[in-house]
Structure formats: C-alpha cells, structure tokens
Amino acid sequence: MRDASGPDALATDVPVSDAYSKANPWAPTFVKLAQTSRSTLIKGHEVETAQIMRFVMEAVEKVILSNADPKAALADAQNAVDRQF
C-alpha cells in the first residue's frame, strides 16, 4: 500500500520501500521534509481553501503577468475573500 501511496506523510508513517526509493531517489527526502511541512488547507476554512486560494492565485498571476503592485493585488484579493466569506 505504501508504494501506491508514494512518499506522502498524510496516509502513513510506514517508510517507503527500498524498491520505491531506488526508482524514485527523491522520495526519502520528500518524506523527511513532509514530516515538518504544514497543510495547504487554511485553518478554520478547510472547506473553503480552494475558493480562497483562487483569489490569491489570481492576484499572483496579475502581479506576474501585468506587473501589478503586489501589495495592491493582494489587498484586492483579501477584499474579495472578505466579501465572499
């Protein structure tokens, strides 16, 4: 089951197999880093995270593609999130 799951830290603490590590040399490092990583879900807004992140990513896209002011773009995203939630 671990090989099917890959090197995620959510499903199990069983180490990846030697065969999986050999085929995916990055996997042991990924497992180690995952032990101290944080969830991408927004605490208290787990169900709404995808919707909230859409506003944030659109702001980042605006900054990158249109050379918009990052502070203003993120403020606009925050206002949009506040209006919706």
PDB file of N, CA and C in Angstrom:
ATOM      1  N   MET A   1       0.819  -1.196   0.000  1.00  0.00           N
ATOM      2  CA  MET A   1       0.000   0.000   0.000  1.00  0.00           C
ATOM      3  C   MET A   1       0.861   1.257   0.000  1.00  0.00           C
ATOM      4  N   ARG A   2       2.002   1.203   0.693  1.00  0.00           N
ATOM      5  CA  ARG A   2       2.857   2.389   0.775  1.00  0.00           C
ATOM      6  C   ARG A   2       3.363   2.792  -0.599  1.00  0.00           C
ATOM      7  N   ASP A   3       3.784   1.828  -1.410  1.00  0.00           N
ATOM      8  CA  ASP A   3       4.281   2.162  -2.746  1.00  0.00           C
ATOM      9  C   ASP A   3       3.193   2.828  -3.587  1.00  0.00           C
ATOM     10  N   ALA A   4       1.952   2.392  -3.411  1.00  0.00           N
ATOM     11  CA  ALA A   4       0.849   3.002  -4.154  1.00  0.00           C
ATOM     12  C   ALA A   4       0.594   4.426  -3.671  1.00  0.00           C
ATOM     13  N   SER A   5       0.799   4.655  -2.380  1.00  0.00           N
ATOM     14  CA  SER A   5       0.574   5.972  -1.798  1.00  0.00           C
ATOM     15  C   SER A   5       1.689   6.948  -2.132  1.00  0.00           C
ATOM     16  N   GLY A   6       2.889   6.429  -2.347  1.00  0.00           N
ATOM     17  CA  GLY A   6       4.027   7.298  -2.614  1.00  0.00           C
ATOM     18  C   GLY A   6       4.590   7.847  -1.322  1.00  0.00           C
ATOM     19  N   PRO A   7       5.383   8.903  -1.405  1.00  0.00           N
ATOM     20  CA  PRO A   7       6.066   9.401  -0.215  1.00  0.00           C
ATOM     21  C   PRO A   7       5.273  10.428   0.588  1.00  0.00           C
ATOM     22  N   ASP A   8       3.944  10.335   0.559  1.00  0.00           N
ATOM     23  CA  ASP A   8       3.169  11.321   1.309  1.00  0.00           C
ATOM     24  C   ASP A   8       3.278  11.071   2.805  1.00  0.00           C
ATOM     25  N   ALA A   9       3.003  12.087   3.579  1.00  0.00           N
ATOM     26  CA  ALA A   9       3.064  11.969   5.035  1.00  0.00           C
ATOM     27  C   ALA A   9       1.673  11.914   5.643  1.00  0.00           C
ATOM     28  N   LEU A  10       0.652  11.972   4.823  1.00  0.00           N
ATOM     29  CA  LEU A  10      -0.706  12.017   5.351  1.00  0.00           C
ATOM     30  C   LEU A  10      -1.280  10.641   5.666  1.00  0.00           C
ATOM     31  N   ALA A  11      -0.982   9.673   4.834  1.00  0.00           N
ATOM     32  CA  ALA A  11      -1.655   8.387   4.956  1.00  0.00           C
ATOM     33  C   ALA A  11      -0.988   7.433   5.937  1.00  0.00           C
ATOM     34  N   THR A  12       0.322   7.519   6.091  1.00  0.00           N
ATOM     35  CA  THR A  12       1.020   6.524   6.896  1.00  0.00           C
ATOM     36  C   THR A  12       2.390   7.013   7.328  1.00  0.00           C
ATOM     37  N   ASP A  13       2.912   6.393   8.333  1.00  0.00           N
ATOM     38  CA  ASP A  13       4.291   6.673   8.723  1.00  0.00           C
ATOM     39  C   ASP A  13       5.208   5.498   8.362  1.00  0.00           C
ATOM     40  N   VAL A  14       4.689   4.553   7.581  1.00  0.00           N
ATOM     41  CA  VAL A  14       5.488   3.428   7.103  1.00  0.00           C
ATOM     42  C   VAL A  14       6.525   3.966   6.120  1.00  0.00           C
ATOM     43  N   PRO A  15       7.784   3.600   6.279  1.00  0.00           N
ATOM     44  CA  PRO A  15       8.811   4.093   5.346  1.00  0.00           C
ATOM     45  C   PRO A  15       8.575   3.599   3.924  1.00  0.00           C
ATOM     46  N   VAL A  16       9.050   4.359   2.953  1.00  0.00           N
ATOM     47  CA  VAL A  16       8.958   3.900   1.563  1.00  0.00           C
ATOM     48  C   VAL A  16       9.895   2.710   1.397  1.00  0.00           C
ATOM     49  N   SER A  17       9.532   1.817   0.488  1.00  0.00           N
ATOM     50  CA  SER A  17      10.332   0.608   0.287  1.00  0.00           C
ATOM     51  C   SER A  17      11.641   0.934  -0.423  1.00  0.00           C
ATOM     52  N   ASP A  18      12.595   0.032  -0.302  1.00  0.00           N
ATOM     53  CA  ASP A  18      13.869   0.203  -0.997  1.00  0.00           C
ATOM     54  C   ASP A  18      13.650   0.281  -2.497  1.00  0.00           C
ATOM     55  N   ALA A  19      12.739  -0.545  -3.019  1.00  0.00           N
ATOM     56  CA  ALA A  19      12.460  -0.541  -4.469  1.00  0.00           C
ATOM     57  C   ALA A  19      11.887   0.811  -4.902  1.00  0.00           C
ATOM     58  N   TYR A  20      10.977   1.347  -4.100  1.00  0.00           N
ATOM     59  CA  TYR A  20      10.384   2.648  -4.431  1.00  0.00           C
ATOM     60  C   TYR A  20      11.447   3.736  -4.364  1.00  0.00           C
ATOM     61  N   SER A  21      12.278   3.696  -3.340  1.00  0.00           N
ATOM     62  CA  SER A  21      13.351   4.682  -3.201  1.00  0.00           C
ATOM     63  C   SER A  21      14.344   4.606  -4.349  1.00  0.00           C
ATOM     64  N   LYS A  22      14.634   3.396  -4.795  1.00  0.00           N
ATOM     65  CA  LYS A  22      15.567   3.237  -5.914  1.00  0.00           C
ATOM     66  C   LYS A  22      14.972   3.808  -7.205  1.00  0.00           C
ATOM     67  N   ALA A  23      13.683   3.557  -7.414  1.00  0.00           N
ATOM     68  CA  ALA A  23      13.017   4.060  -8.625  1.00  0.00           C
ATOM     69  C   ALA A  23      12.742   5.565  -8.533  1.00  0.00           C
ATOM     70  N   ASN A  24      12.644   6.077  -7.313  1.00  0.00           N
ATOM     71  CA  ASN A  24      12.324   7.488  -7.065  1.00  0.00           C
ATOM     72  C   ASN A  24      13.300   8.032  -6.028  1.00  0.00           C
ATOM     73  N   PRO A  25      14.534   8.329  -6.426  1.00  0.00           N
ATOM     74  CA  PRO A  25      15.556   8.709  -5.450  1.00  0.00           C
ATOM     75  C   PRO A  25      15.234   9.951  -4.623  1.00  0.00           C
ATOM     76  N   TRP A  26      14.288  10.741  -5.051  1.00  0.00           N
ATOM     77  CA  TRP A  26      13.866  11.931  -4.329  1.00  0.00           C
ATOM     78  C   TRP A  26      12.920  11.600  -3.175  1.00  0.00           C
ATOM     79  N   ALA A  27      12.331  10.410  -3.179  1.00  0.00           N
ATOM     80  CA  ALA A  27      11.281  10.062  -2.223  1.00  0.00           C
ATOM     81  C   ALA A  27      11.708  10.157  -0.759  1.00  0.00           C
ATOM     82  N   PRO A  28      12.862   9.612  -0.345  1.00  0.00           N
ATOM     83  CA  PRO A  28      13.225   9.725   1.070  1.00  0.00           C
ATOM     84  C   PRO A  28      13.348  11.176   1.552  1.00  0.00           C
ATOM     85  N   THR A  29      13.869  12.041   0.711  1.00  0.00           N
ATOM     86  CA  THR A  29      13.962  13.461   1.076  1.00  0.00           C
ATOM     87  C   THR A  29      12.572  14.068   1.208  1.00  0.00           C
ATOM     88  N   PHE A  30      11.689  13.718   0.281  1.00  0.00           N
ATOM     89  CA  PHE A  30      10.321  14.215   0.321  1.00  0.00           C
ATOM     90  C   PHE A  30       9.648  13.779   1.615  1.00  0.00           C
ATOM     91  N   VAL A  31       9.817  12.514   1.999  1.00  0.00           N
ATOM     92  CA  VAL A  31       9.220  12.009   3.239  1.00  0.00           C
ATOM     93  C   VAL A  31       9.757  12.786   4.433  1.00  0.00           C
ATOM     94  N   LYS A  32      11.051  13.020   4.454  1.00  0.00           N
ATOM     95  CA  LYS A  32      11.660  13.743   5.572  1.00  0.00           C
ATOM     96  C   LYS A  32      11.116  15.175   5.651  1.00  0.00           C
ATOM     97  N   LEU A  33      11.039  15.851   4.528  1.00  0.00           N
ATOM     98  CA  LEU A  33      10.522  17.221   4.511  1.00  0.00           C
ATOM     99  C   LEU A  33       9.046  17.272   4.886  1.00  0.00           C
ATOM    100  N   ALA A  34       8.293  16.258   4.481  1.00  0.00           N
ATOM    101  CA  ALA A  34       6.855  16.227   4.765  1.00  0.00           C
ATOM    102  C   ALA A  34       6.575  16.136   6.260  1.00  0.00           C
ATOM    103  N   GLN A  35       7.511  15.609   7.025  1.00  0.00           N
ATOM    104  CA  GLN A  35       7.312  15.469   8.465  1.00  0.00           C
ATOM    105  C   GLN A  35       7.201  16.820   9.170  1.00  0.00           C
ATOM    106  N   THR A  36       7.801  17.846   8.613  1.00  0.00           N
ATOM    107  CA  THR A  36       7.749  19.172   9.234  1.00  0.00           C
ATOM    108  C   THR A  36       6.995  20.192   8.391  1.00  0.00           C
ATOM    109  N   SER A  37       6.353  19.735   7.339  1.00  0.00           N
ATOM    110  CA  SER A  37       5.611  20.662   6.488  1.00  0.00           C
ATOM    111  C   SER A  37       4.243  20.952   7.106  1.00  0.00           C
ATOM    112  N   ARG A  38       3.616  21.988   6.603  1.00  0.00           N
ATOM    113  CA  ARG A  38       2.284  22.337   7.074  1.00  0.00           C
ATOM    114  C   ARG A  38       1.276  22.089   5.970  1.00  0.00           C
ATOM    115  N   SER A  39       0.069  21.897   6.367  1.00  0.00           N
ATOM    116  CA  SER A  39      -1.010  21.665   5.420  1.00  0.00           C
ATOM    117  C   SER A  39      -1.239  22.915   4.571  1.00  0.00           C
ATOM    118  N   THR A  40      -1.663  22.702   3.352  1.00  0.00           N
ATOM    119  CA  THR A  40      -2.023  23.833   2.500  1.00  0.00           C
ATOM    120  C   THR A  40      -3.444  24.304   2.786  1.00  0.00           C
ATOM    121  N   LEU A  41      -4.164  23.571   3.627  1.00  0.00           N
ATOM    122  CA  LEU A  41      -5.510  23.981   3.994  1.00  0.00           C
ATOM    123  C   LEU A  41      -5.437  25.134   4.985  1.00  0.00           C
ATOM    124  N   ILE A  42      -6.313  26.100   4.826  1.00  0.00           N
ATOM    125  CA  ILE A  42      -6.348  27.262   5.703  1.00  0.00           C
ATOM    126  C   ILE A  42      -7.121  26.883   6.963  1.00  0.00           C
ATOM    127  N   LYS A  43      -6.444  26.972   8.106  1.00  0.00           N
ATOM    128  CA  LYS A  43      -7.057  26.573   9.369  1.00  0.00           C
ATOM    129  C   LYS A  43      -8.336  27.364   9.616  1.00  0.00           C
ATOM    130  N   GLY A  44      -9.390  26.642   9.910  1.00  0.00           N
ATOM    131  CA  GLY A  44     -10.689  27.262  10.142  1.00  0.00           C
ATOM    132  C   GLY A  44     -11.495  27.464   8.872  1.00  0.00           C
ATOM    133  N   HIS A  45     -10.843  27.283   7.722  1.00  0.00           N
ATOM    134  CA  HIS A  45     -11.516  27.452   6.425  1.00  0.00           C
ATOM    135  C   HIS A  45     -11.131  26.303   5.491  1.00  0.00           C
ATOM    136  N   GLU A  46     -11.002  25.109   6.062  1.00  0.00           N
ATOM    137  CA  GLU A  46     -10.545  23.961   5.298  1.00  0.00           C
ATOM    138  C   GLU A  46     -11.408  23.697   4.064  1.00  0.00           C
ATOM    139  N   VAL A  47     -12.714  23.795   4.228  1.00  0.00           N
ATOM    140  CA  VAL A  47     -13.624  23.518   3.120  1.00  0.00           C
ATOM    141  C   VAL A  47     -13.558  24.606   2.048  1.00  0.00           C
ATOM    142  N   GLU A  48     -13.280  25.833   2.460  1.00  0.00           N
ATOM    143  CA  GLU A  48     -13.254  26.960   1.525  1.00  0.00           C
ATOM    144  C   GLU A  48     -11.867  27.242   0.952  1.00  0.00           C
ATOM    145  N   THR A  49     -10.857  26.482   1.340  1.00  0.00           N
ATOM    146  CA  THR A  49      -9.482  26.777   0.928  1.00  0.00           C
ATOM    147  C   THR A  49      -9.345  26.926  -0.587  1.00  0.00           C
ATOM    148  N   ALA A  50      -9.914  26.026  -1.344  1.00  0.00           N
ATOM    149  CA  ALA A  50      -9.769  26.104  -2.806  1.00  0.00           C
ATOM    150  C   ALA A  50     -10.343  27.406  -3.354  1.00  0.00           C
ATOM    151  N   GLN A  51     -11.493  27.820  -2.843  1.00  0.00           N
ATOM    152  CA  GLN A  51     -12.107  29.062  -3.311  1.00  0.00           C
ATOM    153  C   GLN A  51     -11.258  30.274  -2.914  1.00  0.00           C
ATOM    154  N   ILE A  52     -10.740  30.256  -1.698  1.00  0.00           N
ATOM    155  CA  ILE A  52      -9.906  31.363  -1.230  1.00  0.00           C
ATOM    156  C   ILE A  52      -8.616  31.430  -2.030  1.00  0.00           C
ATOM    157  N   MET A  53      -8.005  30.283  -2.263  1.00  0.00           N
ATOM    158  CA  MET A  53      -6.742  30.251  -3.000  1.00  0.00           C
ATOM    159  C   MET A  53      -6.902  30.738  -4.439  1.00  0.00           C
ATOM    160  N   ARG A  54      -8.072  30.573  -4.995  1.00  0.00           N
ATOM    161  CA  ARG A  54      -8.313  31.085  -6.351  1.00  0.00           C
ATOM    162  C   ARG A  54      -8.106  32.600  -6.389  1.00  0.00           C
ATOM    163  N   PHE A  55      -8.633  33.310  -5.395  1.00  0.00           N
ATOM    164  CA  PHE A  55      -8.441  34.761  -5.327  1.00  0.00           C
ATOM    165  C   PHE A  55      -6.956  35.108  -5.190  1.00  0.00           C
ATOM    166  N   VAL A  56      -6.275  34.370  -4.337  1.00  0.00           N
ATOM    167  CA  VAL A  56      -4.849  34.629  -4.106  1.00  0.00           C
ATOM    168  C   VAL A  56      -4.044  34.365  -5.377  1.00  0.00           C
ATOM    169  N   MET A  57      -4.298  33.230  -6.022  1.00  0.00           N
ATOM    170  CA  MET A  57      -3.531  32.879  -7.221  1.00  0.00           C
ATOM    171  C   MET A  57      -3.831  33.833  -8.382  1.00  0.00           C
ATOM    172  N   GLU A  58      -5.059  34.310  -8.465  1.00  0.00           N
ATOM    173  CA  GLU A  58      -5.371  35.310  -9.492  1.00  0.00           C
ATOM    174  C   GLU A  58      -4.596  36.599  -9.230  1.00  0.00           C
ATOM    175  N   ALA A  59      -4.432  36.962  -7.971  1.00  0.00           N
ATOM    176  CA  ALA A  59      -3.653  38.155  -7.630  1.00  0.00           C
ATOM    177  C   ALA A  59      -2.185  37.949  -8.001  1.00  0.00           C
ATOM    178  N   VAL A  60      -1.648  36.785  -7.697  1.00  0.00           N
ATOM    179  CA  VAL A  60      -0.254  36.482  -8.044  1.00  0.00           C
ATOM    180  C   VAL A  60      -0.074  36.517  -9.560  1.00  0.00           C
ATOM    181  N   GLU A  61      -1.022  35.939 -10.275  1.00  0.00           N
ATOM    182  CA  GLU A  61      -0.966  35.956 -11.742  1.00  0.00           C
ATOM    183  C   GLU A  61      -0.975  37.394 -12.272  1.00  0.00           C
ATOM    184  N   LYS A  62      -1.804  38.236 -11.682  1.00  0.00           N
ATOM    185  CA  LYS A  62      -1.884  39.640 -12.090  1.00  0.00           C
ATOM    186  C   LYS A  62      -0.537  40.342 -11.890  1.00  0.00           C
ATOM    187  N   VAL A  63       0.111  40.051 -10.778  1.00  0.00           N
ATOM    188  CA  VAL A  63       1.417  40.647 -10.482  1.00  0.00           C
ATOM    189  C   VAL A  63       2.454  40.181 -11.497  1.00  0.00           C
ATOM    190  N   ILE A  64       2.471  38.892 -11.775  1.00  0.00           N
ATOM    191  CA  ILE A  64       3.477  38.327 -12.677  1.00  0.00           C
ATOM    192  C   ILE A  64       3.248  38.755 -14.124  1.00  0.00           C
ATOM    193  N   LEU A  65       2.009  38.665 -14.583  1.00  0.00           N
ATOM    194  CA  LEU A  65       1.738  38.924 -15.995  1.00  0.00           C
ATOM    195  C   LEU A  65       1.518  40.392 -16.336  1.00  0.00           C
ATOM    196  N   SER A  66       1.018  41.151 -15.377  1.00  0.00           N
ATOM    197  CA  SER A  66       0.693  42.550 -15.664  1.00  0.00           C
ATOM    198  C   SER A  66       1.566  43.535 -14.908  1.00  0.00           C
ATOM    199  N   ASN A  67       2.540  43.019 -14.184  1.00  0.00           N
ATOM    200  CA  ASN A  67       3.433  43.862 -13.395  1.00  0.00           C
ATOM    201  C   ASN A  67       2.656  44.740 -12.408  1.00  0.00           C
ATOM    202  N   ALA A  68       1.550  44.175 -11.884  1.00  0.00           N
ATOM    203  CA  ALA A  68       0.742  44.905 -10.909  1.00  0.00           C
ATOM    204  C   ALA A  68       1.503  45.006  -9.583  1.00  0.00           C
ATOM    205  N   ASP A  69       1.125  45.972  -8.782  1.00  0.00           N
ATOM    206  CA  ASP A  69       1.716  46.148  -7.463  1.00  0.00           C
ATOM    207  C   ASP A  69       1.295  44.978  -6.570  1.00  0.00           C
ATOM    208  N   PRO A  70       2.241  44.201  -6.036  1.00  0.00           N
ATOM    209  CA  PRO A  70       1.889  43.029  -5.223  1.00  0.00           C
ATOM    210  C   PRO A  70       1.020  43.369  -4.012  1.00  0.00           C
ATOM    211  N   LYS A  71       1.354  44.449  -3.318  1.00  0.00           N
ATOM    212  CA  LYS A  71       0.590  44.823  -2.126  1.00  0.00           C
ATOM    213  C   LYS A  71      -0.859  45.140  -2.495  1.00  0.00           C
ATOM    214  N   ALA A  72      -1.057  45.877  -3.577  1.00  0.00           N
ATOM    215  CA  ALA A  72      -2.411  46.235  -4.012  1.00  0.00           C
ATOM    216  C   ALA A  72      -3.169  45.003  -4.496  1.00  0.00           C
ATOM    217  N   ALA A  73      -2.490  44.142  -5.254  1.00  0.00           N
ATOM    218  CA  ALA A  73      -3.143  42.941  -5.784  1.00  0.00           C
ATOM    219  C   ALA A  73      -3.600  42.027  -4.653  1.00  0.00           C
ATOM    220  N   LEU A  74      -2.747  41.853  -3.639  1.00  0.00           N
ATOM    221  CA  LEU A  74      -3.130  41.004  -2.510  1.00  0.00           C
ATOM    222  C   LEU A  74      -4.193  41.665  -1.640  1.00  0.00           C
ATOM    223  N   ALA A  75      -4.175  42.973  -1.546  1.00  0.00           N
ATOM    224  CA  ALA A  75      -5.232  43.677  -0.815  1.00  0.00           C
ATOM    225  C   ALA A  75      -6.574  43.486  -1.521  1.00  0.00           C
ATOM    226  N   ASP A  76      -6.550  43.553  -2.846  1.00  0.00           N
ATOM    227  CA  ASP A  76      -7.776  43.305  -3.618  1.00  0.00           C
ATOM    228  C   ASP A  76      -8.268  41.875  -3.396  1.00  0.00           C
ATOM    229  N   ALA A  77      -7.339  40.924  -3.374  1.00  0.00           N
ATOM    230  CA  ALA A  77      -7.707  39.529  -3.133  1.00  0.00           C
ATOM    231  C   ALA A  77      -8.316  39.381  -1.742  1.00  0.00           C
ATOM    232  N   GLN A  78      -7.720  40.026  -0.755  1.00  0.00           N
ATOM    233  CA  GLN A  78      -8.253  39.950   0.607  1.00  0.00           C
ATOM    234  C   GLN A  78      -9.662  40.531   0.666  1.00  0.00           C
ATOM    235  N   ASN A  79      -9.865  41.654  -0.020  1.00  0.00           N
ATOM    236  CA  ASN A  79     -11.206  42.262  -0.044  1.00  0.00           C
ATOM    237  C   ASN A  79     -12.223  41.324  -0.689  1.00  0.00           C
ATOM    238  N   ALA A  80     -11.836  40.651  -1.761  1.00  0.00           N
ATOM    239  CA  ALA A  80     -12.723  39.720  -2.438  1.00  0.00           C
ATOM    240  C   ALA A  80     -13.065  38.543  -1.518  1.00  0.00           C
ATOM    241  N   VAL A  81     -12.065  38.046  -0.809  1.00  0.00           N
ATOM    242  CA  VAL A  81     -12.290  36.942   0.136  1.00  0.00           C
ATOM    243  C   VAL A  81     -13.226  37.405   1.252  1.00  0.00           C
ATOM    244  N   ASP A  82     -12.965  38.584   1.783  1.00  0.00           N
ATOM    245  CA  ASP A  82     -13.811  39.106   2.865  1.00  0.00           C
ATOM    246  C   ASP A  82     -15.260  39.265   2.415  1.00  0.00           C
ATOM    247  N   ARG A  83     -15.454  39.720   1.187  1.00  0.00           N
ATOM    248  CA  ARG A  83     -16.824  39.881   0.671  1.00  0.00           C
ATOM    249  C   ARG A  83     -17.523  38.531   0.534  1.00  0.00           C
ATOM    250  N   GLN A  84     -16.807  37.522   0.084  1.00  0.00           N
ATOM    251  CA  GLN A  84     -17.424  36.221  -0.158  1.00  0.00           C
ATOM    252  C   GLN A  84     -17.603  35.408   1.108  1.00  0.00           C
ATOM    253  N   PHE A  85     -16.704  35.577   2.051  1.00  0.00           N
ATOM    254  CA  PHE A  85     -16.761  34.745   3.254  1.00  0.00           C
ATOM    255  C   PHE A  85     -16.994  35.605   4.468  1.00  0.00           C
TER     256      PHE A  85
END
